[in-house]
Amino acid sequence: MTLDLDALRLREFSNAKAAQAPLLIVAPRSLHDAGFLDLAPGHSLVQTLSSNGCERIFLVEWKCATPAMRDEGVDAQLALLNIAVDEIGPPADLVGVCQGGWLSLVYATRFPGKIRKLVLAGSPIDTKAAPSALCASGAPLSEALLEQLLKLGEGLVLGRHLSRLWPSEAKSRRLIDFLQLSASPMTPDEWELAEKFERWDHRLLDLPGAYYREVALWLYRENRLIAGTFPALGRAVDLGALSCPLFLLAGAEDAIVPPAQVFAAASRVPADLAVETAIAPCCHLALFMGRRTLTEQWPGIAKWLSK
C-alpha cells in the first residue's frame, strides 16, 4: 500500500520503477469495493494492464464512509484524487471505470497539466443519451428513493439498503455473463472463482450522503457534464477544454451504462483531440472482469497507454 487516507487507499502494482508515466486506475465510489478490478488470474484488469506493457500501476480504492463523512461531496472525492495523483507523480494516465470514469474526466479537465492520457470504461458521461437501469422507476438514483435512502442511513447511503435496489441479473446467469464463463458445468477452478466473486459481491460500501445526492442530481437528473455546468473545486467543467488523448470503451449489452452514454463524450471534447473508441460484446461488469473482454479489448488499450 502506497497511501492510506480516511476515505481512500492507494495501492501499487508496479513491475519496475521505470521512466514510464504512472497509470492510476480509478475505481467507482459506489456499491462495492475495488476488488473486482483484481479478482483472480484471468479476471484481473490490473493483471491484464501489467502483462501488456503498463509497468507502473496504481489503484484508487475507496473506503466505507463513516458518519463523519456524511457531508462530503464530489469536491472531497476530487481533492482525494488530486492527492493520489500528486503522490504517484504527474503527469499520470487515468483509467476511470464505471462511476470512476466521470470523476476521472472531471479531474482531467479541471487539472489538465496533470494527466497524460485518459481511458473511460463503462462510464456515464451523457446520462440522457440513452435510458439506463440506474435511472428507471424504482432505481437507486431516482428522486423518489433518494430521500428514503438518506433518512435510513442518517445522512449516509448504506450499502445494505442500496444493494436491494441495485439492478442485477438472475443469479443463474450473472456468473456466466459477468465473468464470461462457459454455460457447461463449471470446473473446480471456476467454482473457486465463483466463490471469490460472491465474497466480493457481499462486501458493500456505505457512501457519503452529500456525494450520493450530488451524483444523482448533477450527473443523472441535470446532466451537468454535458451542459458544462458541473462544479469541480470552484470551477464549472467544460469538456471542450479537455487536452489529453481519450479512449472510450463501452459494452454493447450494458444496461447500467449504455454505449451512447459513454460515446457521447467524443462529441463534447475538442474536435482535434485524439479519441479512440471500442465496443465489447458484453454487459457492464464483464467490461472489467470478463475473461473474453480482458483478452480481446484491454491489451490494445494497454498498448495505447504505454506509447
C-alpha atoms as a PDB file:
ATOM      1  CA  MET A   1       0.000   0.000   0.000  1.00  0.00           C
ATOM      2  CA  THR A   2       1.367   3.417  -1.020  1.00  0.00           C
ATOM      3  CA  LEU A   3      -1.053   5.720   0.790  1.00  0.00           C
ATOM      4  CA  ASP A   4      -3.802   5.235   3.385  1.00  0.00           C
ATOM      5  CA  LEU A   5      -6.243   8.096   3.987  1.00  0.00           C
ATOM      6  CA  ASP A   6      -9.574   8.183   5.835  1.00  0.00           C
ATOM      7  CA  ALA A   7     -11.614   7.571   2.671  1.00  0.00           C
ATOM      8  CA  LEU A   8      -9.061   6.259   0.174  1.00  0.00           C
ATOM      9  CA  ARG A   9      -6.305   3.681  -0.132  1.00  0.00           C
ATOM     10  CA  LEU A  10      -3.728   3.950  -2.886  1.00  0.00           C
ATOM     11  CA  ARG A  11      -2.340   0.545  -3.880  1.00  0.00           C
ATOM     12  CA  GLU A  12       0.671  -0.071  -6.097  1.00  0.00           C
ATOM     13  CA  PHE A  13       1.102  -2.943  -8.588  1.00  0.00           C
ATOM     14  CA  SER A  14       4.249  -1.754 -10.370  1.00  0.00           C
ATOM     15  CA  ASN A  15       6.675  -4.077 -12.145  1.00  0.00           C
ATOM     16  CA  ALA A  16       9.543  -1.648 -12.074  1.00  0.00           C
ATOM     17  CA  LYS A  17      10.499   1.887 -11.214  1.00  0.00           C
ATOM     18  CA  ALA A  18      10.713   2.753 -14.889  1.00  0.00           C
ATOM     19  CA  ALA A  19      10.584   6.143 -16.558  1.00  0.00           C
ATOM     20  CA  GLN A  20       7.118   5.287 -17.894  1.00  0.00           C
ATOM     21  CA  ALA A  21       4.269   7.571 -16.798  1.00  0.00           C
ATOM     22  CA  PRO A  22       2.357   6.156 -13.820  1.00  0.00           C
ATOM     23  CA  LEU A  23      -1.087   4.701 -14.511  1.00  0.00           C
ATOM     24  CA  LEU A  24      -3.833   5.251 -11.963  1.00  0.00           C
ATOM     25  CA  ILE A  25      -6.964   3.089 -12.090  1.00  0.00           C
ATOM     26  CA  VAL A  26      -9.864   4.983 -10.533  1.00  0.00           C
ATOM     27  CA  ALA A  27     -12.422   2.586  -9.119  1.00  0.00           C
ATOM     28  CA  PRO A  28     -16.009   3.781  -8.664  1.00  0.00           C
ATOM     29  CA  ARG A  29     -17.129   5.012  -5.266  1.00  0.00           C
ATOM     30  CA  SER A  30     -20.283   3.004  -5.474  1.00  0.00           C
ATOM     31  CA  LEU A  31     -21.948  -0.080  -4.019  1.00  0.00           C
ATOM     32  CA  HIS A  32     -18.873  -2.370  -3.924  1.00  0.00           C
ATOM     33  CA  ASP A  33     -15.168  -2.100  -3.200  1.00  0.00           C
ATOM     34  CA  ALA A  34     -12.409  -2.165  -5.823  1.00  0.00           C
ATOM     35  CA  GLY A  35     -11.801  -5.917  -5.556  1.00  0.00           C
ATOM     36  CA  PHE A  36     -13.490  -6.577  -8.903  1.00  0.00           C
ATOM     37  CA  LEU A  37     -10.511  -4.977 -10.653  1.00  0.00           C
ATOM     38  CA  ASP A  38      -8.128  -7.673  -9.385  1.00  0.00           C
ATOM     39  CA  LEU A  39     -10.485 -10.566  -8.716  1.00  0.00           C
ATOM     40  CA  ALA A  40      -8.393 -13.546  -9.837  1.00  0.00           C
ATOM     41  CA  PRO A  41      -5.893 -14.595 -12.543  1.00  0.00           C
ATOM     42  CA  GLY A  42      -7.579 -14.223 -15.910  1.00  0.00           C
ATOM     43  CA  HIS A  43     -10.186 -11.933 -14.363  1.00  0.00           C
ATOM     44  CA  SER A  44      -7.999  -9.018 -13.313  1.00  0.00           C
ATOM     45  CA  LEU A  45      -7.805  -5.676 -15.101  1.00  0.00           C
ATOM     46  CA  VAL A  46      -4.671  -4.910 -13.079  1.00  0.00           C
ATOM     47  CA  GLN A  47      -3.006  -8.104 -14.293  1.00  0.00           C
ATOM     48  CA  THR A  48      -4.034  -7.512 -17.922  1.00  0.00           C
ATOM     49  CA  LEU A  49      -2.610  -3.987 -17.999  1.00  0.00           C
ATOM     50  CA  SER A  50       0.577  -5.149 -16.288  1.00  0.00           C
ATOM     51  CA  SER A  51       1.049  -8.007 -18.766  1.00  0.00           C
ATOM     52  CA  ASN A  52       0.643  -5.716 -21.765  1.00  0.00           C
ATOM     53  CA  GLY A  53       3.223  -3.007 -21.234  1.00  0.00           C
ATOM     54  CA  CYS A  54       1.958  -0.907 -18.323  1.00  0.00           C
ATOM     55  CA  GLU A  55       4.765  -1.073 -15.772  1.00  0.00           C
ATOM     56  CA  ARG A  56       3.750   1.443 -13.100  1.00  0.00           C
ATOM     57  CA  ILE A  57       0.178   0.712 -11.999  1.00  0.00           C
ATOM     58  CA  PHE A  58      -1.664   2.209  -9.038  1.00  0.00           C
ATOM     59  CA  LEU A  59      -5.252   1.699  -7.889  1.00  0.00           C
ATOM     60  CA  VAL A  60      -7.600   4.056  -6.061  1.00  0.00           C
ATOM     61  CA  GLU A  61      -9.620   2.021  -3.573  1.00  0.00           C
ATOM     62  CA  TRP A  62     -12.445   3.899  -1.840  1.00  0.00           C
ATOM     63  CA  LYS A  63     -13.244   3.016   1.764  1.00  0.00           C
ATOM     64  CA  CYS A  64     -16.577   2.631   3.514  1.00  0.00           C
ATOM     65  CA  ALA A  65     -17.896   6.025   4.621  1.00  0.00           C
ATOM     66  CA  THR A  66     -18.219   6.811   8.307  1.00  0.00           C
ATOM     67  CA  PRO A  67     -20.861   9.103   9.871  1.00  0.00           C
ATOM     68  CA  ALA A  68     -18.257  11.899   9.942  1.00  0.00           C
ATOM     69  CA  MET A  69     -18.119  11.746   6.123  1.00  0.00           C
ATOM     70  CA  ARG A  70     -21.864  12.198   5.508  1.00  0.00           C
ATOM     71  CA  ASP A  71     -21.445  15.795   4.264  1.00  0.00           C
ATOM     72  CA  GLU A  72     -18.512  15.093   1.906  1.00  0.00           C
ATOM     73  CA  GLY A  73     -19.478  15.687  -1.722  1.00  0.00           C
ATOM     74  CA  VAL A  74     -17.881  15.394  -5.148  1.00  0.00           C
ATOM     75  CA  ASP A  75     -15.297  18.062  -4.315  1.00  0.00           C
ATOM     76  CA  ALA A  76     -13.994  15.894  -1.481  1.00  0.00           C
ATOM     77  CA  GLN A  77     -13.512  12.972  -3.903  1.00  0.00           C
ATOM     78  CA  LEU A  78     -11.706  15.228  -6.395  1.00  0.00           C
ATOM     79  CA  ALA A  79      -9.420  16.532  -3.653  1.00  0.00           C
ATOM     80  CA  LEU A  80      -8.525  12.975  -2.617  1.00  0.00           C
ATOM     81  CA  LEU A  81      -7.915  12.001  -6.233  1.00  0.00           C
ATOM     82  CA  ASN A  82      -5.648  15.009  -6.560  1.00  0.00           C
ATOM     83  CA  ILE A  83      -3.624  13.821  -3.557  1.00  0.00           C
ATOM     84  CA  ALA A  84      -3.290  10.371  -5.165  1.00  0.00           C
ATOM     85  CA  VAL A  85      -2.091  11.841  -8.478  1.00  0.00           C
ATOM     86  CA  ASP A  86       0.443  14.026  -6.679  1.00  0.00           C
ATOM     87  CA  GLU A  87       1.623  11.017  -4.684  1.00  0.00           C
ATOM     88  CA  ILE A  88       2.464   8.941  -7.783  1.00  0.00           C
ATOM     89  CA  GLY A  89       3.802  11.931  -9.704  1.00  0.00           C
ATOM     90  CA  PRO A  90       2.082  13.728 -12.584  1.00  0.00           C
ATOM     91  CA  PRO A  91       1.655  13.664 -15.470  1.00  0.00           C
ATOM     92  CA  ALA A  92      -0.212  10.390 -14.979  1.00  0.00           C
ATOM     93  CA  ASP A  93      -2.511   8.242 -17.089  1.00  0.00           C
ATOM     94  CA  LEU A  94      -6.023   7.730 -15.686  1.00  0.00           C
ATOM     95  CA  VAL A  95      -8.204   4.673 -16.279  1.00  0.00           C
ATOM     96  CA  GLY A  96     -11.654   5.520 -14.918  1.00  0.00           C
ATOM     97  CA  VAL A  97     -14.059   2.593 -14.651  1.00  0.00           C
ATOM     98  CA  CYS A  98     -17.827   2.966 -14.284  1.00  0.00           C
ATOM     99  CA  GLN A  99     -18.545   5.852 -11.865  1.00  0.00           C
ATOM    100  CA  GLY A 100     -14.795   6.352 -11.524  1.00  0.00           C
ATOM    101  CA  GLY A 101     -14.825   7.394 -15.176  1.00  0.00           C
ATOM    102  CA  TRP A 102     -16.867  10.572 -14.941  1.00  0.00           C
ATOM    103  CA  LEU A 103     -14.825  11.527 -11.862  1.00  0.00           C
ATOM    104  CA  SER A 104     -11.631  10.978 -13.870  1.00  0.00           C
ATOM    105  CA  LEU A 105     -12.961  13.051 -16.767  1.00  0.00           C
ATOM    106  CA  VAL A 106     -13.894  15.897 -14.427  1.00  0.00           C
ATOM    107  CA  TYR A 107     -10.439  15.709 -12.842  1.00  0.00           C
ATOM    108  CA  ALA A 108      -8.576  15.623 -16.176  1.00  0.00           C
ATOM    109  CA  THR A 109     -10.488  18.690 -17.362  1.00  0.00           C
ATOM    110  CA  ARG A 110     -10.017  20.515 -14.067  1.00  0.00           C
ATOM    111  CA  PHE A 111      -6.266  19.735 -13.849  1.00  0.00           C
ATOM    112  CA  PRO A 112      -5.153  19.371 -17.493  1.00  0.00           C
ATOM    113  CA  GLY A 113      -1.414  19.535 -16.802  1.00  0.00           C
ATOM    114  CA  LYS A 114      -1.532  16.517 -14.512  1.00  0.00           C
ATOM    115  CA  ILE A 115      -2.993  13.950 -16.921  1.00  0.00           C
ATOM    116  CA  ARG A 116      -1.224  12.498 -19.986  1.00  0.00           C
ATOM    117  CA  LYS A 117      -3.884  10.056 -21.284  1.00  0.00           C
ATOM    118  CA  LEU A 118      -7.405   9.180 -20.184  1.00  0.00           C
ATOM    119  CA  VAL A 119      -9.414   5.948 -20.535  1.00  0.00           C
ATOM    120  CA  LEU A 120     -13.130   5.849 -19.692  1.00  0.00           C
ATOM    121  CA  ALA A 121     -14.667   2.367 -19.499  1.00  0.00           C
ATOM    122  CA  GLY A 122     -18.394   1.886 -18.974  1.00  0.00           C
ATOM    123  CA  SER A 123     -18.608   5.454 -17.678  1.00  0.00           C
ATOM    124  CA  PRO A 124     -21.795   7.564 -17.695  1.00  0.00           C
ATOM    125  CA  ILE A 125     -20.994  10.901 -19.345  1.00  0.00           C
ATOM    126  CA  ASP A 126     -24.241  11.904 -21.072  1.00  0.00           C
ATOM    127  CA  THR A 127     -26.912  10.284 -18.923  1.00  0.00           C
ATOM    128  CA  LYS A 128     -29.706  11.480 -21.230  1.00  0.00           C
ATOM    129  CA  ALA A 129     -28.194   9.883 -24.353  1.00  0.00           C
ATOM    130  CA  ALA A 130     -29.918   6.549 -23.617  1.00  0.00           C
ATOM    131  CA  PRO A 131     -32.119   5.127 -20.854  1.00  0.00           C
ATOM    132  CA  SER A 132     -30.365   3.025 -18.220  1.00  0.00           C
ATOM    133  CA  ALA A 133     -31.273   0.700 -15.383  1.00  0.00           C
ATOM    134  CA  LEU A 134     -29.916   3.224 -12.882  1.00  0.00           C
ATOM    135  CA  CYS A 135     -32.499   5.826 -13.859  1.00  0.00           C
ATOM    136  CA  ALA A 136     -35.557   3.622 -14.250  1.00  0.00           C
ATOM    137  CA  SER A 137     -38.532   3.885 -11.922  1.00  0.00           C
ATOM    138  CA  GLY A 138     -37.564   2.309  -8.607  1.00  0.00           C
ATOM    139  CA  ALA A 139     -33.835   2.515  -9.428  1.00  0.00           C
ATOM    140  CA  PRO A 140     -31.367   3.618  -6.725  1.00  0.00           C
ATOM    141  CA  LEU A 141     -30.701   7.076  -8.214  1.00  0.00           C
ATOM    142  CA  SER A 142     -34.335   8.047  -8.699  1.00  0.00           C
ATOM    143  CA  GLU A 143     -35.637  11.103  -6.861  1.00  0.00           C
ATOM    144  CA  ALA A 144     -38.368   9.076  -5.183  1.00  0.00           C
ATOM    145  CA  LEU A 145     -35.889   6.826  -3.371  1.00  0.00           C
ATOM    146  CA  LEU A 146     -33.041   9.250  -2.668  1.00  0.00           C
ATOM    147  CA  GLU A 147     -34.515  10.844   0.459  1.00  0.00           C
ATOM    148  CA  GLN A 148     -35.580   7.460   1.814  1.00  0.00           C
ATOM    149  CA  LEU A 149     -32.026   6.119   1.492  1.00  0.00           C
ATOM    150  CA  LEU A 150     -30.578   9.197   3.218  1.00  0.00           C
ATOM    151  CA  LYS A 151     -33.120   9.004   6.026  1.00  0.00           C
ATOM    152  CA  LEU A 152     -32.498   5.300   6.619  1.00  0.00           C
ATOM    153  CA  GLY A 153     -28.750   5.901   6.777  1.00  0.00           C
ATOM    154  CA  GLU A 154     -28.940   9.081   8.857  1.00  0.00           C
ATOM    155  CA  GLY A 155     -27.108  11.045   6.182  1.00  0.00           C
ATOM    156  CA  LEU A 156     -25.204   8.106   4.703  1.00  0.00           C
ATOM    157  CA  VAL A 157     -26.347   5.785   1.914  1.00  0.00           C
ATOM    158  CA  LEU A 158     -25.826   2.354   3.442  1.00  0.00           C
ATOM    159  CA  GLY A 159     -24.695  -0.496   1.234  1.00  0.00           C
ATOM    160  CA  ARG A 160     -27.179  -2.953   2.703  1.00  0.00           C
ATOM    161  CA  HIS A 161     -30.054  -0.683   1.685  1.00  0.00           C
ATOM    162  CA  LEU A 162     -28.629   0.249  -1.700  1.00  0.00           C
ATOM    163  CA  SER A 163     -27.980  -3.391  -2.638  1.00  0.00           C
ATOM    164  CA  ARG A 164     -31.700  -4.160  -2.505  1.00  0.00           C
ATOM    165  CA  LEU A 165     -32.352  -1.560  -5.209  1.00  0.00           C
ATOM    166  CA  TRP A 166     -29.305  -2.127  -7.419  1.00  0.00           C
ATOM    167  CA  PRO A 167     -30.072  -3.560 -10.892  1.00  0.00           C
ATOM    168  CA  SER A 168     -28.937  -7.167 -11.198  1.00  0.00           C
ATOM    169  CA  GLU A 169     -29.331 -10.254 -13.349  1.00  0.00           C
ATOM    170  CA  ALA A 170     -30.647 -13.607 -12.234  1.00  0.00           C
ATOM    171  CA  LYS A 171     -28.061 -15.418 -10.137  1.00  0.00           C
ATOM    172  CA  SER A 172     -28.026 -18.380 -12.523  1.00  0.00           C
ATOM    173  CA  ARG A 173     -26.806 -16.144 -15.366  1.00  0.00           C
ATOM    174  CA  ARG A 174     -24.668 -13.483 -13.749  1.00  0.00           C
ATOM    175  CA  LEU A 175     -21.517 -15.552 -13.212  1.00  0.00           C
ATOM    176  CA  ILE A 176     -21.614 -16.653 -16.827  1.00  0.00           C
ATOM    177  CA  ASP A 177     -22.234 -13.123 -18.096  1.00  0.00           C
ATOM    178  CA  PHE A 178     -20.020 -11.155 -15.697  1.00  0.00           C
ATOM    179  CA  LEU A 179     -17.014 -13.482 -15.738  1.00  0.00           C
ATOM    180  CA  GLN A 180     -17.671 -14.812 -19.252  1.00  0.00           C
ATOM    181  CA  LEU A 181     -17.582 -18.467 -18.272  1.00  0.00           C
ATOM    182  CA  SER A 182     -18.924 -21.312 -20.353  1.00  0.00           C
ATOM    183  CA  ALA A 183     -22.507 -22.399 -19.785  1.00  0.00           C
ATOM    184  CA  SER A 184     -21.404 -26.013 -19.271  1.00  0.00           C
ATOM    185  CA  PRO A 185     -20.856 -27.416 -15.749  1.00  0.00           C
ATOM    186  CA  MET A 186     -18.142 -25.425 -14.020  1.00  0.00           C
ATOM    187  CA  THR A 187     -14.704 -26.804 -13.286  1.00  0.00           C
ATOM    188  CA  PRO A 188     -13.276 -26.792  -9.726  1.00  0.00           C
ATOM    189  CA  ASP A 189     -11.266 -23.673 -10.630  1.00  0.00           C
ATOM    190  CA  GLU A 190     -14.431 -21.952 -11.839  1.00  0.00           C
ATOM    191  CA  TRP A 191     -16.231 -22.858  -8.622  1.00  0.00           C
ATOM    192  CA  GLU A 192     -13.388 -21.250  -6.671  1.00  0.00           C
ATOM    193  CA  LEU A 193     -13.659 -18.186  -8.899  1.00  0.00           C
ATOM    194  CA  ALA A 194     -17.416 -18.071  -8.308  1.00  0.00           C
ATOM    195  CA  GLU A 195     -16.823 -18.111  -4.555  1.00  0.00           C
ATOM    196  CA  LYS A 196     -14.372 -15.202  -4.862  1.00  0.00           C
ATOM    197  CA  PHE A 197     -16.978 -13.269  -6.841  1.00  0.00           C
ATOM    198  CA  GLU A 198     -19.669 -13.949  -4.228  1.00  0.00           C
ATOM    199  CA  ARG A 199     -17.381 -12.789  -1.423  1.00  0.00           C
ATOM    200  CA  TRP A 200     -16.699  -9.560  -3.322  1.00  0.00           C
ATOM    201  CA  ASP A 201     -20.404  -9.129  -4.087  1.00  0.00           C
ATOM    202  CA  HIS A 202     -21.165  -9.181  -0.356  1.00  0.00           C
ATOM    203  CA  ARG A 203     -18.547  -6.548   0.528  1.00  0.00           C
ATOM    204  CA  LEU A 204     -20.791  -3.493   0.433  1.00  0.00           C
ATOM    205  CA  LEU A 205     -19.710   0.124   0.869  1.00  0.00           C
ATOM    206  CA  ASP A 206     -21.568   2.874   2.701  1.00  0.00           C
ATOM    207  CA  LEU A 207     -21.441   6.180   0.816  1.00  0.00           C
ATOM    208  CA  PRO A 208     -21.443   9.834   1.939  1.00  0.00           C
ATOM    209  CA  GLY A 209     -24.972  11.159   1.562  1.00  0.00           C
ATOM    210  CA  ALA A 210     -23.851  14.502   0.093  1.00  0.00           C
ATOM    211  CA  TYR A 211     -21.796  12.724  -2.591  1.00  0.00           C
ATOM    212  CA  TYR A 212     -24.657  10.396  -3.496  1.00  0.00           C
ATOM    213  CA  ARG A 213     -27.108  13.299  -3.685  1.00  0.00           C
ATOM    214  CA  GLU A 214     -24.796  15.336  -5.944  1.00  0.00           C
ATOM    215  CA  VAL A 215     -24.229  12.403  -8.300  1.00  0.00           C
ATOM    216  CA  ALA A 216     -27.968  11.736  -8.519  1.00  0.00           C
ATOM    217  CA  LEU A 217     -28.771  15.403  -9.135  1.00  0.00           C
ATOM    218  CA  TRP A 218     -25.815  16.812 -11.082  1.00  0.00           C
ATOM    219  CA  LEU A 219     -24.887  13.803 -13.208  1.00  0.00           C
ATOM    220  CA  TYR A 220     -28.164  11.942 -13.709  1.00  0.00           C
ATOM    221  CA  ARG A 221     -31.027  14.379 -13.266  1.00  0.00           C
ATOM    222  CA  GLU A 222     -29.478  17.626 -14.550  1.00  0.00           C
ATOM    223  CA  ASN A 223     -26.851  16.092 -16.879  1.00  0.00           C
ATOM    224  CA  ARG A 224     -24.420  18.859 -15.938  1.00  0.00           C
ATOM    225  CA  LEU A 225     -21.331  17.302 -17.528  1.00  0.00           C
ATOM    226  CA  ILE A 226     -22.893  17.764 -20.940  1.00  0.00           C
ATOM    227  CA  ALA A 227     -24.397  21.146 -20.047  1.00  0.00           C
ATOM    228  CA  GLY A 228     -20.976  22.467 -18.991  1.00  0.00           C
ATOM    229  CA  THR A 229     -22.219  23.372 -15.501  1.00  0.00           C
ATOM    230  CA  PHE A 230     -20.744  20.526 -13.430  1.00  0.00           C
ATOM    231  CA  PRO A 231     -18.937  22.193 -10.477  1.00  0.00           C
ATOM    232  CA  ALA A 232     -15.445  20.972  -9.641  1.00  0.00           C
ATOM    233  CA  LEU A 233     -13.425  22.658  -6.898  1.00  0.00           C
ATOM    234  CA  GLY A 234     -14.670  26.144  -7.651  1.00  0.00           C
ATOM    235  CA  ARG A 235     -14.942  25.926 -11.436  1.00  0.00           C
ATOM    236  CA  ALA A 236     -17.515  24.633 -13.895  1.00  0.00           C
ATOM    237  CA  VAL A 237     -16.209  21.770 -16.034  1.00  0.00           C
ATOM    238  CA  ASP A 238     -16.052  22.456 -19.777  1.00  0.00           C
ATOM    239  CA  LEU A 239     -15.396  19.226 -21.679  1.00  0.00           C
ATOM    240  CA  GLY A 240     -14.323  21.360 -24.618  1.00  0.00           C
ATOM    241  CA  ALA A 241     -11.207  22.192 -22.607  1.00  0.00           C
ATOM    242  CA  LEU A 242     -10.015  18.577 -22.270  1.00  0.00           C
ATOM    243  CA  SER A 243      -6.475  18.436 -23.638  1.00  0.00           C
ATOM    244  CA  CYS A 244      -5.296  14.812 -23.244  1.00  0.00           C
ATOM    245  CA  PRO A 245      -5.882  11.888 -25.666  1.00  0.00           C
ATOM    246  CA  LEU A 246      -9.027   9.937 -24.814  1.00  0.00           C
ATOM    247  CA  PHE A 247     -10.036   6.262 -25.134  1.00  0.00           C
ATOM    248  CA  LEU A 248     -13.706   5.261 -24.696  1.00  0.00           C
ATOM    249  CA  LEU A 249     -14.766   1.646 -24.053  1.00  0.00           C
ATOM    250  CA  ALA A 250     -18.403   0.531 -23.792  1.00  0.00           C
ATOM    251  CA  GLY A 251     -20.289  -2.749 -23.504  1.00  0.00           C
ATOM    252  CA  ALA A 252     -22.804  -3.478 -26.261  1.00  0.00           C
ATOM    253  CA  GLU A 253     -25.122  -5.214 -23.756  1.00  0.00           C
ATOM    254  CA  ASP A 254     -24.536  -2.804 -20.879  1.00  0.00           C
ATOM    255  CA  ALA A 255     -27.859  -1.858 -19.266  1.00  0.00           C
ATOM    256  CA  ILE A 256     -26.155   0.076 -16.439  1.00  0.00           C
ATOM    257  CA  VAL A 257     -24.207   2.441 -18.723  1.00  0.00           C
ATOM    258  CA  PRO A 258     -25.385   2.035 -22.337  1.00  0.00           C
ATOM    259  CA  PRO A 259     -22.804   2.742 -25.066  1.00  0.00           C
ATOM    260  CA  ALA A 260     -24.455   6.027 -26.077  1.00  0.00           C
ATOM    261  CA  GLN A 261     -23.836   7.436 -22.595  1.00  0.00           C
ATOM    262  CA  VAL A 262     -20.119   6.670 -22.909  1.00  0.00           C
ATOM    263  CA  PHE A 263     -19.508   7.622 -26.540  1.00  0.00           C
ATOM    264  CA  ALA A 264     -21.267  10.969 -26.163  1.00  0.00           C
ATOM    265  CA  ALA A 265     -18.012  12.248 -24.657  1.00  0.00           C
ATOM    266  CA  ALA A 266     -16.391  12.147 -28.113  1.00  0.00           C
ATOM    267  CA  SER A 267     -18.723  14.852 -29.425  1.00  0.00           C
ATOM    268  CA  ARG A 268     -18.106  17.172 -26.472  1.00  0.00           C
ATOM    269  CA  VAL A 269     -14.320  17.279 -26.389  1.00  0.00           C
ATOM    270  CA  PRO A 270     -12.272  19.429 -28.830  1.00  0.00           C
ATOM    271  CA  ALA A 271     -12.663  18.332 -32.461  1.00  0.00           C
ATOM    272  CA  ASP A 272      -8.905  17.977 -32.926  1.00  0.00           C
ATOM    273  CA  LEU A 273      -8.411  15.842 -29.796  1.00  0.00           C
ATOM    274  CA  ALA A 274      -7.177  12.270 -30.395  1.00  0.00           C
ATOM    275  CA  VAL A 275     -10.106   9.996 -29.465  1.00  0.00           C
ATOM    276  CA  GLU A 276     -10.244   6.198 -29.769  1.00  0.00           C
ATOM    277  CA  THR A 277     -13.373   4.104 -29.220  1.00  0.00           C
ATOM    278  CA  ALA A 278     -14.116   0.415 -28.796  1.00  0.00           C
ATOM    279  CA  ILE A 279     -17.217  -1.614 -28.042  1.00  0.00           C
ATOM    280  CA  ALA A 280     -17.166  -5.057 -26.462  1.00  0.00           C
ATOM    281  CA  PRO A 281     -19.966  -7.642 -26.816  1.00  0.00           C
ATOM    282  CA  CYS A 282     -20.668  -7.811 -23.084  1.00  0.00           C
ATOM    283  CA  CYS A 283     -22.603  -6.488 -20.105  1.00  0.00           C
ATOM    284  CA  HIS A 284     -21.362  -3.919 -17.584  1.00  0.00           C
ATOM    285  CA  LEU A 285     -19.243  -5.876 -15.122  1.00  0.00           C
ATOM    286  CA  ALA A 286     -17.784  -8.047 -17.888  1.00  0.00           C
ATOM    287  CA  LEU A 287     -16.026  -4.905 -19.154  1.00  0.00           C
ATOM    288  CA  PHE A 288     -13.708  -5.130 -16.141  1.00  0.00           C
ATOM    289  CA  MET A 289     -13.618  -8.796 -15.102  1.00  0.00           C
ATOM    290  CA  GLY A 290     -14.855 -10.799 -18.085  1.00  0.00           C
ATOM    291  CA  ARG A 291     -12.317 -13.296 -19.416  1.00  0.00           C
ATOM    292  CA  ARG A 292     -13.043 -12.546 -23.074  1.00  0.00           C
ATOM    293  CA  THR A 293     -13.128  -8.759 -22.700  1.00  0.00           C
ATOM    294  CA  LEU A 294      -9.832  -8.721 -20.792  1.00  0.00           C
ATOM    295  CA  THR A 295      -8.267 -10.865 -23.530  1.00  0.00           C
ATOM    296  CA  GLU A 296      -9.704  -9.105 -26.569  1.00  0.00           C
ATOM    297  CA  GLN A 297     -10.150  -5.436 -25.639  1.00  0.00           C
ATOM    298  CA  TRP A 298      -7.814  -4.395 -22.854  1.00  0.00           C
ATOM    299  CA  PRO A 299      -4.429  -5.441 -24.341  1.00  0.00           C
ATOM    300  CA  GLY A 300      -4.992  -2.901 -27.134  1.00  0.00           C
ATOM    301  CA  ILE A 301      -5.880  -0.229 -24.598  1.00  0.00           C
ATOM    302  CA  ALA A 302      -2.748  -1.090 -22.605  1.00  0.00           C
ATOM    303  CA  LYS A 303      -0.602  -0.689 -25.701  1.00  0.00           C
ATOM    304  CA  TRP A 304      -2.284   2.664 -26.425  1.00  0.00           C
ATOM    305  CA  LEU A 305      -1.476   3.766 -22.900  1.00  0.00           C
ATOM    306  CA  SER A 306       2.131   2.594 -22.964  1.00  0.00           C
ATOM    307  CA  LYS A 307       3.024   4.548 -26.129  1.00  0.00           C
END
